Amino acid sequence: MELWNSLRLLSLDMQGPWMVGGDFNAIVSVAERLNGAPPHGGSMEDFAVILLDCGLLDAGFEGNNFTWTNNHMFQRLDRVVYNP
């Protein structure tokens, strides 16, 4: 995926702490989806691997557990991740 490759390249150039946030359009665990079809394990694994490869940690959040809905399915697609 192009975004994952861009993050990987960015991580190679970073000399200090950095962060990135927004709509990643991906989840890292089944707990980040409510209702709908079961999440695709490969895409969850890909996202988890890129976060690990780049040394990125989830900054956490306050409020609603889900950042996106179509009024049937709820997902946490938006997040901020950082490399300490």
C-alpha atoms as a PDB file:
ATOM      1  CA  MET A   1       0.000   0.000   0.000  1.00  0.00           C
ATOM      2  CA  GLU A   2       1.310   3.449  -0.922  1.00  0.00           C
ATOM      3  CA  LEU A   3       0.687   4.998   2.506  1.00  0.00           C
ATOM      4  CA  TRP A   4       2.539   2.188   4.270  1.00  0.00           C
ATOM      5  CA  ASN A   5       5.524   2.602   1.918  1.00  0.00           C
ATOM      6  CA  SER A   6       5.527   6.371   2.509  1.00  0.00           C
ATOM      7  CA  LEU A   7       5.531   5.874   6.278  1.00  0.00           C
ATOM      8  CA  ARG A   8       8.371   3.385   6.004  1.00  0.00           C
ATOM      9  CA  LEU A   9      10.442   5.850   3.929  1.00  0.00           C
ATOM     10  CA  LEU A  10       9.669   8.710   6.327  1.00  0.00           C
ATOM     11  CA  SER A  11      10.772   6.636   9.298  1.00  0.00           C
ATOM     12  CA  LEU A  12      14.181   6.078   7.695  1.00  0.00           C
ATOM     13  CA  ASP A  13      14.790   9.842   7.412  1.00  0.00           C
ATOM     14  CA  MET A  14      13.635  10.860  10.889  1.00  0.00           C
ATOM     15  CA  GLN A  15      16.387  11.849  13.309  1.00  0.00           C
ATOM     16  CA  GLY A  16      14.188  12.489  16.340  1.00  0.00           C
ATOM     17  CA  PRO A  17      10.675  11.950  17.644  1.00  0.00           C
ATOM     18  CA  TRP A  18       7.868  12.337  15.118  1.00  0.00           C
ATOM     19  CA  MET A  19       4.135  11.873  14.850  1.00  0.00           C
ATOM     20  CA  VAL A  20       1.501  11.467  12.185  1.00  0.00           C
ATOM     21  CA  GLY A  21      -2.263  11.440  12.456  1.00  0.00           C
ATOM     22  CA  GLY A  22      -5.398  11.223  10.409  1.00  0.00           C
ATOM     23  CA  ASP A  23      -7.705   8.742   8.724  1.00  0.00           C
ATOM     24  CA  PHE A  24      -5.605   5.645   8.061  1.00  0.00           C
ATOM     25  CA  ASN A  25      -8.674   3.771   6.760  1.00  0.00           C
ATOM     26  CA  ALA A  26      -7.420   0.697   8.629  1.00  0.00           C
ATOM     27  CA  ILE A  27      -7.874  -0.961  11.999  1.00  0.00           C
ATOM     28  CA  VAL A  28      -5.333  -2.969  13.987  1.00  0.00           C
ATOM     29  CA  SER A  29      -7.700  -5.225  15.930  1.00  0.00           C
ATOM     30  CA  VAL A  30     -11.229  -6.615  15.776  1.00  0.00           C
ATOM     31  CA  ALA A  31     -12.048  -4.501  18.862  1.00  0.00           C
ATOM     32  CA  GLU A  32     -11.835  -1.422  16.625  1.00  0.00           C
ATOM     33  CA  ARG A  33     -14.909  -2.490  14.614  1.00  0.00           C
ATOM     34  CA  LEU A  34     -18.507  -2.951  15.709  1.00  0.00           C
ATOM     35  CA  ASN A  35     -21.034  -4.720  13.447  1.00  0.00           C
ATOM     36  CA  GLY A  36     -20.503  -5.326   9.736  1.00  0.00           C
ATOM     37  CA  ALA A  37     -18.538  -8.115   8.112  1.00  0.00           C
ATOM     38  CA  PRO A  38     -15.553  -9.538   9.973  1.00  0.00           C
ATOM     39  CA  PRO A  39     -12.451  -7.429   9.319  1.00  0.00           C
ATOM     40  CA  HIS A  40      -9.865  -8.727   6.851  1.00  0.00           C
ATOM     41  CA  GLY A  41      -7.004 -10.166   8.897  1.00  0.00           C
ATOM     42  CA  GLY A  42      -4.382  -9.359   6.261  1.00  0.00           C
ATOM     43  CA  SER A  43      -5.075  -5.628   6.269  1.00  0.00           C
ATOM     44  CA  MET A  44      -5.043  -5.521  10.081  1.00  0.00           C
ATOM     45  CA  GLU A  45      -1.734  -7.374  10.093  1.00  0.00           C
ATOM     46  CA  ASP A  46      -0.270  -5.051   7.432  1.00  0.00           C
ATOM     47  CA  PHE A  47      -1.163  -1.993   9.511  1.00  0.00           C
ATOM     48  CA  ALA A  48       0.209  -3.531  12.715  1.00  0.00           C
ATOM     49  CA  VAL A  49       3.454  -4.494  10.939  1.00  0.00           C
ATOM     50  CA  ILE A  50       4.040  -1.006   9.513  1.00  0.00           C
ATOM     51  CA  LEU A  51       3.478   0.552  12.937  1.00  0.00           C
ATOM     52  CA  LEU A  52       5.973  -1.888  14.442  1.00  0.00           C
ATOM     53  CA  ASP A  53       8.516  -1.448  11.618  1.00  0.00           C
ATOM     54  CA  CYS A  54       8.392   2.345  12.010  1.00  0.00           C
ATOM     55  CA  GLY A  55       8.487   2.190  15.803  1.00  0.00           C
ATOM     56  CA  LEU A  56       5.141   4.000  15.955  1.00  0.00           C
ATOM     57  CA  LEU A  57       2.940   3.855  19.046  1.00  0.00           C
ATOM     58  CA  ASP A  58      -0.727   4.769  19.249  1.00  0.00           C
ATOM     59  CA  ALA A  59      -1.188   8.019  21.188  1.00  0.00           C
ATOM     60  CA  GLY A  60      -4.555   6.858  22.499  1.00  0.00           C
ATOM     61  CA  PHE A  61      -7.709   8.944  22.618  1.00  0.00           C
ATOM     62  CA  GLU A  62     -10.549  10.192  24.766  1.00  0.00           C
ATOM     63  CA  GLY A  63     -14.216   9.962  23.943  1.00  0.00           C
ATOM     64  CA  ASN A  64     -16.059   7.668  21.570  1.00  0.00           C
ATOM     65  CA  ASN A  65     -14.223   4.443  20.687  1.00  0.00           C
ATOM     66  CA  PHE A  66     -15.156   4.790  17.021  1.00  0.00           C
ATOM     67  CA  THR A  67     -14.303   7.620  14.616  1.00  0.00           C
ATOM     68  CA  TRP A  68     -16.336   6.521  11.576  1.00  0.00           C
ATOM     69  CA  THR A  69     -19.791   5.053  10.980  1.00  0.00           C
ATOM     70  CA  ASN A  70     -22.196   4.319   8.175  1.00  0.00           C
ATOM     71  CA  ASN A  71     -25.003   4.109  10.789  1.00  0.00           C
ATOM     72  CA  HIS A  72     -24.638   0.316  10.905  1.00  0.00           C
ATOM     73  CA  MET A  73     -20.927  -0.381  11.260  1.00  0.00           C
ATOM     74  CA  PHE A  74     -18.613   1.599  13.540  1.00  0.00           C
ATOM     75  CA  GLN A  75     -14.808   1.697  13.226  1.00  0.00           C
ATOM     76  CA  ARG A  76     -11.805   3.490  14.652  1.00  0.00           C
ATOM     77  CA  LEU A  77     -10.123   4.681  11.457  1.00  0.00           C
ATOM     78  CA  ASP A  78      -8.649   7.966  12.712  1.00  0.00           C
ATOM     79  CA  ARG A  79      -5.682   7.968  15.053  1.00  0.00           C
ATOM     80  CA  VAL A  80      -2.452   9.688  15.990  1.00  0.00           C
ATOM     81  CA  VAL A  81       0.716   7.605  16.168  1.00  0.00           C
ATOM     82  CA  TYR A  82       4.143   8.716  17.320  1.00  0.00           C
ATOM     83  CA  ASN A  83       7.728   7.552  17.561  1.00  0.00           C
ATOM     84  CA  PRO A  84       9.282   8.580  20.872  1.00  0.00           C
END
